[in-house]
PDB file of N, CA and C in Angstrom:
ATOM      1  N   MET A   1      58.131  56.590   4.936  1.00  0.00           N
ATOM      2  CA  MET A   1      58.264  56.436   6.379  1.00  0.00           C
ATOM      3  C   MET A   1      59.720  56.156   6.723  1.00  0.00           C
ATOM      4  N   LYS A   2      60.243  56.959   7.602  1.00  0.00           N
ATOM      5  CA  LYS A   2      61.595  56.718   8.094  1.00  0.00           C
ATOM      6  C   LYS A   2      61.532  55.784   9.290  1.00  0.00           C
ATOM      7  N   THR A   3      62.505  54.928   9.404  1.00  0.00           N
ATOM      8  CA  THR A   3      62.606  54.071  10.581  1.00  0.00           C
ATOM      9  C   THR A   3      62.981  54.954  11.760  1.00  0.00           C
ATOM     10  N   ASN A   4      62.204  54.878  12.843  1.00  0.00           N
ATOM     11  CA  ASN A   4      62.517  55.701  14.010  1.00  0.00           C
ATOM     12  C   ASN A   4      62.581  54.881  15.301  1.00  0.00           C
ATOM     13  N   GLU A   5      62.714  53.575  15.160  1.00  0.00           N
ATOM     14  CA  GLU A   5      62.840  52.693  16.326  1.00  0.00           C
ATOM     15  C   GLU A   5      64.102  51.857  16.198  1.00  0.00           C
ATOM     16  N   GLY A   6      64.852  51.776  17.278  1.00  0.00           N
ATOM     17  CA  GLY A   6      66.036  50.948  17.309  1.00  0.00           C
ATOM     18  C   GLY A   6      65.685  49.487  17.538  1.00  0.00           C
ATOM     19  N   THR A   7      66.684  48.637  17.462  1.00  0.00           N
ATOM     20  CA  THR A   7      66.482  47.199  17.586  1.00  0.00           C
ATOM     21  C   THR A   7      65.915  46.816  18.946  1.00  0.00           C
ATOM     22  N   LEU A   8      66.473  47.361  20.016  1.00  0.00           N
ATOM     23  CA  LEU A   8      65.976  47.049  21.354  1.00  0.00           C
ATOM     24  C   LEU A   8      64.544  47.541  21.533  1.00  0.00           C
ATOM     25  N   ASP A   9      64.264  48.738  21.075  1.00  0.00           N
ATOM     26  CA  ASP A   9      62.917  49.313  21.155  1.00  0.00           C
ATOM     27  C   ASP A   9      61.914  48.420  20.427  1.00  0.00           C
ATOM     28  N   ARG A  10      62.278  47.974  19.239  1.00  0.00           N
ATOM     29  CA  ARG A  10      61.387  47.123  18.454  1.00  0.00           C
ATOM     30  C   ARG A  10      61.128  45.790  19.144  1.00  0.00           C
ATOM     31  N   ALA A  11      62.183  45.190  19.676  1.00  0.00           N
ATOM     32  CA  ALA A  11      62.038  43.899  20.357  1.00  0.00           C
ATOM     33  C   ALA A  11      61.155  44.023  21.587  1.00  0.00           C
ATOM     34  N   LEU A  12      61.361  45.074  22.367  1.00  0.00           N
ATOM     35  CA  LEU A  12      60.539  45.272  23.568  1.00  0.00           C
ATOM     36  C   LEU A  12      59.074  45.508  23.222  1.00  0.00           C
ATOM     37  N   ARG A  13      58.820  46.207  22.151  1.00  0.00           N
ATOM     38  CA  ARG A  13      57.436  46.444  21.726  1.00  0.00           C
ATOM     39  C   ARG A  13      56.748  45.122  21.343  1.00  0.00           C
ATOM     40  N   VAL A  14      57.441  44.302  20.574  1.00  0.00           N
ATOM     41  CA  VAL A  14      56.851  43.018  20.140  1.00  0.00           C
ATOM     42  C   VAL A  14      56.603  42.127  21.354  1.00  0.00           C
ATOM     43  N   ILE A  15      57.557  42.063  22.265  1.00  0.00           N
ATOM     44  CA  ILE A  15      57.387  41.241  23.471  1.00  0.00           C
ATOM     45  C   ILE A  15      56.224  41.741  24.311  1.00  0.00           C
ATOM     46  N   ALA A  16      56.142  43.055  24.522  1.00  0.00           N
ATOM     47  CA  ALA A  16      55.046  43.624  25.317  1.00  0.00           C
ATOM     48  C   ALA A  16      53.693  43.339  24.668  1.00  0.00           C
ATOM     49  N   GLY A  17      53.635  43.463  23.351  1.00  0.00           N
ATOM     50  CA  GLY A  17      52.391  43.177  22.638  1.00  0.00           C
ATOM     51  C   GLY A  17      51.973  41.725  22.759  1.00  0.00           C
ATOM     52  N   LEU A  18      52.945  40.828  22.638  1.00  0.00           N
ATOM     53  CA  LEU A  18      52.633  39.404  22.770  1.00  0.00           C
ATOM     54  C   LEU A  18      52.174  39.058  24.185  1.00  0.00           C
ATOM     55  N   VAL A  19      52.784  39.679  25.175  1.00  0.00           N
ATOM     56  CA  VAL A  19      52.368  39.448  26.567  1.00  0.00           C
ATOM     57  C   VAL A  19      50.938  39.924  26.776  1.00  0.00           C
ATOM     58  N   LEU A  20      50.606  41.107  26.274  1.00  0.00           N
ATOM     59  CA  LEU A  20      49.235  41.613  26.419  1.00  0.00           C
ATOM     60  C   LEU A  20      48.219  40.689  25.758  1.00  0.00           C
ATOM     61  N   ILE A  21      48.520  40.225  24.575  1.00  0.00           N
ATOM     62  CA  ILE A  21      47.592  39.327  23.880  1.00  0.00           C
ATOM     63  C   ILE A  21      47.488  37.990  24.609  1.00  0.00           C
ATOM     64  N   ALA A  22      48.596  37.478  25.102  1.00  0.00           N
ATOM     65  CA  ALA A  22      48.564  36.213  25.855  1.00  0.00           C
ATOM     66  C   ALA A  22      47.716  36.364  27.122  1.00  0.00           C
ATOM     67  N   LEU A  23      47.858  37.489  27.808  1.00  0.00           N
ATOM     68  CA  LEU A  23      47.053  37.726  29.013  1.00  0.00           C
ATOM     69  C   LEU A  23      45.567  37.822  28.685  1.00  0.00           C
ATOM     70  N   THR A  24      45.252  38.370  27.528  1.00  0.00           N
ATOM     71  CA  THR A  24      43.853  38.449  27.100  1.00  0.00           C
ATOM     72  C   THR A  24      43.312  37.061  26.794  1.00  0.00           C
ATOM     73  N   LEU A  25      44.088  36.276  26.085  1.00  0.00           N
ATOM     74  CA  LEU A  25      43.634  34.935  25.693  1.00  0.00           C
ATOM     75  C   LEU A  25      43.475  34.001  26.895  1.00  0.00           C
ATOM     76  N   THR A  26      44.250  34.235  27.944  1.00  0.00           N
ATOM     77  CA  THR A  26      44.127  33.396  29.142  1.00  0.00           C
ATOM     78  C   THR A  26      43.053  33.916  30.092  1.00  0.00           C
ATOM     79  N   GLY A  27      42.462  35.052  29.769  1.00  0.00           N
ATOM     80  CA  GLY A  27      41.395  35.599  30.598  1.00  0.00           C
ATOM     81  C   GLY A  27      41.887  36.395  31.796  1.00  0.00           C
ATOM     82  N   THR A  28      43.179  36.665  31.872  1.00  0.00           N
ATOM     83  CA  THR A  28      43.729  37.419  32.991  1.00  0.00           C
ATOM     84  C   THR A  28      43.301  38.878  32.925  1.00  0.00           C
ATOM     85  N   ILE A  29      43.320  39.442  31.728  1.00  0.00           N
ATOM     86  CA  ILE A  29      42.835  40.808  31.535  1.00  0.00           C
ATOM     87  C   ILE A  29      41.730  40.766  30.505  1.00  0.00           C
ATOM     88  N   GLY A  30      40.988  41.831  30.413  1.00  0.00           N
ATOM     89  CA  GLY A  30      39.845  41.868  29.506  1.00  0.00           C
ATOM     90  C   GLY A  30      40.243  42.101  28.060  1.00  0.00           C
ATOM     91  N   VAL A  31      39.280  42.561  27.296  1.00  0.00           N
ATOM     92  CA  VAL A  31      39.480  42.770  25.864  1.00  0.00           C
ATOM     93  C   VAL A  31      40.467  43.899  25.571  1.00  0.00           C
ATOM     94  N   TRP A  32      40.775  44.719  26.554  1.00  0.00           N
ATOM     95  CA  TRP A  32      41.737  45.803  26.350  1.00  0.00           C
ATOM     96  C   TRP A  32      43.123  45.260  26.010  1.00  0.00           C
ATOM     97  N   GLY A  33      43.375  44.026  26.300  1.00  0.00           N
ATOM     98  CA  GLY A  33      44.661  43.425  25.984  1.00  0.00           C
ATOM     99  C   GLY A  33      44.936  43.338  24.491  1.00  0.00           C
ATOM    100  N   TRP A  34      43.879  43.418  23.690  1.00  0.00           N
ATOM    101  CA  TRP A  34      44.063  43.381  22.238  1.00  0.00           C
ATOM    102  C   TRP A  34      44.768  44.635  21.739  1.00  0.00           C
ATOM    103  N   ILE A  35      44.902  45.642  22.595  1.00  0.00           N
ATOM    104  CA  ILE A  35      45.680  46.822  22.240  1.00  0.00           C
ATOM    105  C   ILE A  35      47.138  46.422  21.995  1.00  0.00           C
ATOM    106  N   GLY A  36      47.506  45.223  22.414  1.00  0.00           N
ATOM    107  CA  GLY A  36      48.840  44.702  22.176  1.00  0.00           C
ATOM    108  C   GLY A  36      49.173  44.564  20.696  1.00  0.00           C
ATOM    109  N   LEU A  37      48.159  44.588  19.842  1.00  0.00           N
ATOM    110  CA  LEU A  37      48.410  44.548  18.401  1.00  0.00           C
ATOM    111  C   LEU A  37      49.150  45.791  17.925  1.00  0.00           C
ATOM    112  N   VAL A  38      48.937  46.915  18.597  1.00  0.00           N
ATOM    113  CA  VAL A  38      49.586  48.168  18.194  1.00  0.00           C
ATOM    114  C   VAL A  38      51.106  48.094  18.390  1.00  0.00           C
ATOM    115  N   PRO A  39      51.599  47.739  19.592  1.00  0.00           N
ATOM    116  CA  PRO A  39      53.055  47.658  19.710  1.00  0.00           C
ATOM    117  C   PRO A  39      53.673  46.558  18.835  1.00  0.00           C
ATOM    118  N   ILE A  40      52.936  45.499  18.573  1.00  0.00           N
ATOM    119  CA  ILE A  40      53.452  44.466  17.670  1.00  0.00           C
ATOM    120  C   ILE A  40      53.620  45.052  16.270  1.00  0.00           C
ATOM    121  N   ALA A  41      52.607  45.752  15.799  1.00  0.00           N
ATOM    122  CA  ALA A  41      52.666  46.344  14.455  1.00  0.00           C
ATOM    123  C   ALA A  41      53.777  47.376  14.347  1.00  0.00           C
ATOM    124  N   THR A  42      53.880  48.263  15.325  1.00  0.00           N
ATOM    125  CA  THR A  42      54.920  49.290  15.253  1.00  0.00           C
ATOM    126  C   THR A  42      56.309  48.672  15.395  1.00  0.00           C
ATOM    127  N   GLY A  43      56.418  47.635  16.189  1.00  0.00           N
ATOM    128  CA  GLY A  43      57.702  46.961  16.334  1.00  0.00           C
ATOM    129  C   GLY A  43      58.133  46.260  15.063  1.00  0.00           C
ATOM    130  N   LEU A  44      57.199  45.635  14.378  1.00  0.00           N
ATOM    131  CA  LEU A  44      57.523  44.947  13.133  1.00  0.00           C
ATOM    132  C   LEU A  44      57.826  45.927  12.001  1.00  0.00           C
ATOM    133  N   LEU A  45      57.126  47.050  11.985  1.00  0.00           N
ATOM    134  CA  LEU A  45      57.350  48.053  10.946  1.00  0.00           C
ATOM    135  C   LEU A  45      58.594  48.891  11.212  1.00  0.00           C
ATOM    136  N   GLY A  46      58.947  49.069  12.482  1.00  0.00           N
ATOM    137  CA  GLY A  46      60.094  49.904  12.827  1.00  0.00           C
ATOM    138  C   GLY A  46      59.780  51.382  12.819  1.00  0.00           C
ATOM    139  N   TRP A  47      58.509  51.715  12.774  1.00  0.00           N
ATOM    140  CA  TRP A  47      58.080  53.102  12.695  1.00  0.00           C
ATOM    141  C   TRP A  47      56.931  53.340  13.659  1.00  0.00           C
ATOM    142  N   CYS A  48      57.057  54.379  14.475  1.00  0.00           N
ATOM    143  CA  CYS A  48      56.017  54.720  15.447  1.00  0.00           C
ATOM    144  C   CYS A  48      55.502  56.121  15.139  1.00  0.00           C
ATOM    145  N   PRO A  49      54.201  56.265  14.872  1.00  0.00           N
ATOM    146  CA  PRO A  49      53.665  57.586  14.563  1.00  0.00           C
ATOM    147  C   PRO A  49      53.802  58.571  15.730  1.00  0.00           C
ATOM    148  N   ALA A  50      53.703  58.094  16.953  1.00  0.00           N
ATOM    149  CA  ALA A  50      53.861  58.990  18.107  1.00  0.00           C
ATOM    150  C   ALA A  50      55.290  59.517  18.179  1.00  0.00           C
ATOM    151  N   TYR A  51      56.259  58.682  17.872  1.00  0.00           N
ATOM    152  CA  TYR A  51      57.660  59.118  17.852  1.00  0.00           C
ATOM    153  C   TYR A  51      57.850  60.207  16.803  1.00  0.00           C
ATOM    154  N   THR A  52      57.190  60.068  15.663  1.00  0.00           N
ATOM    155  CA  THR A  52      57.294  61.068  14.607  1.00  0.00           C
ATOM    156  C   THR A  52      56.744  62.406  15.090  1.00  0.00           C
ATOM    157  N   LEU A  53      55.590  62.374  15.737  1.00  0.00           N
ATOM    158  CA  LEU A  53      54.983  63.610  16.246  1.00  0.00           C
ATOM    159  C   LEU A  53      55.834  64.270  17.322  1.00  0.00           C
ATOM    160  N   LEU A  54      56.479  63.455  18.149  1.00  0.00           N
ATOM    161  CA  LEU A  54      57.269  63.987  19.257  1.00  0.00           C
ATOM    162  C   LEU A  54      58.732  64.226  18.893  1.00  0.00           C
ATOM    163  N   GLY A  55      59.130  63.836  17.697  1.00  0.00           N
ATOM    164  CA  GLY A  55      60.505  64.030  17.256  1.00  0.00           C
ATOM    165  C   GLY A  55      61.500  63.094  17.910  1.00  0.00           C
ATOM    166  N   ILE A  56      61.046  61.922  18.328  1.00  0.00           N
ATOM    167  CA  ILE A  56      61.909  60.935  18.984  1.00  0.00           C
ATOM    168  C   ILE A  56      62.436  59.959  17.948  1.00  0.00           C
ATOM    169  N   ASN A  57      63.694  59.561  18.099  1.00  0.00           N
ATOM    170  CA  ASN A  57      64.286  58.574  17.209  1.00  0.00           C
ATOM    171  C   ASN A  57      65.247  57.713  18.016  1.00  0.00           C
ATOM    172  N   THR A  58      64.923  56.439  18.190  1.00  0.00           N
ATOM    173  CA  THR A  58      65.782  55.524  18.922  1.00  0.00           C
ATOM    174  C   THR A  58      66.568  54.620  17.972  1.00  0.00           C
ATOM    175  N   CYS A  59      66.485  54.904  16.699  1.00  0.00           N
ATOM    176  CA  CYS A  59      67.107  54.053  15.686  1.00  0.00           C
ATOM    177  C   CYS A  59      68.636  54.066  15.785  1.00  0.00           C
ATOM    178  N   GLY A  60      69.207  55.202  16.051  1.00  0.00           N
ATOM    179  CA  GLY A  60      70.656  55.276  16.170  1.00  0.00           C
ATOM    180  C   GLY A  60      71.381  55.523  14.869  1.00  0.00           C
ATOM    181  N   LEU A  61      70.689  55.445  13.760  1.00  0.00           N
ATOM    182  CA  LEU A  61      71.292  55.737  12.463  1.00  0.00           C
ATOM    183  C   LEU A  61      71.048  57.199  12.114  1.00  0.00           C
ATOM    184  N   LYS A  62      72.063  57.840  11.551  1.00  0.00           N
ATOM    185  CA  LYS A  62      71.913  59.248  11.152  1.00  0.00           C
ATOM    186  C   LYS A  62      70.958  59.386   9.976  1.00  0.00           C
ATOM    187  N   SER A  63      71.089  58.513   9.009  1.00  0.00           N
ATOM    188  CA  SER A  63      70.210  58.580   7.839  1.00  0.00           C
ATOM    189  C   SER A  63      69.361  57.327   7.790  1.00  0.00           C
ATOM    190  N   ALA A  64      68.287  57.335   8.560  1.00  0.00           N
ATOM    191  CA  ALA A  64      67.390  56.187   8.598  1.00  0.00           C
ATOM    192  C   ALA A  64      66.649  56.077   7.280  1.00  0.00           C
ATOM    193  N   LYS A  65      66.275  54.871   6.931  1.00  0.00           N
ATOM    194  CA  LYS A  65      65.576  54.606   5.662  1.00  0.00           C
ATOM    195  C   LYS A  65      64.308  55.399   5.570  1.00  0.00           C
TER     196      LYS A  65
END
């Protein structure tokens, strides 16, 4: 797996995921908030399967790992 997410992209994904889960735990939104686990996982891994399919790379490195 090549890294295809940049630092800002990864941070925003983790923050968005945590917000969704927090909203679910407080009862503001329903169980759909658990979808926040996906952006957390992709943010921590640095790899997004959708980016791979679409040919997107926000990493900024020419030769990503």
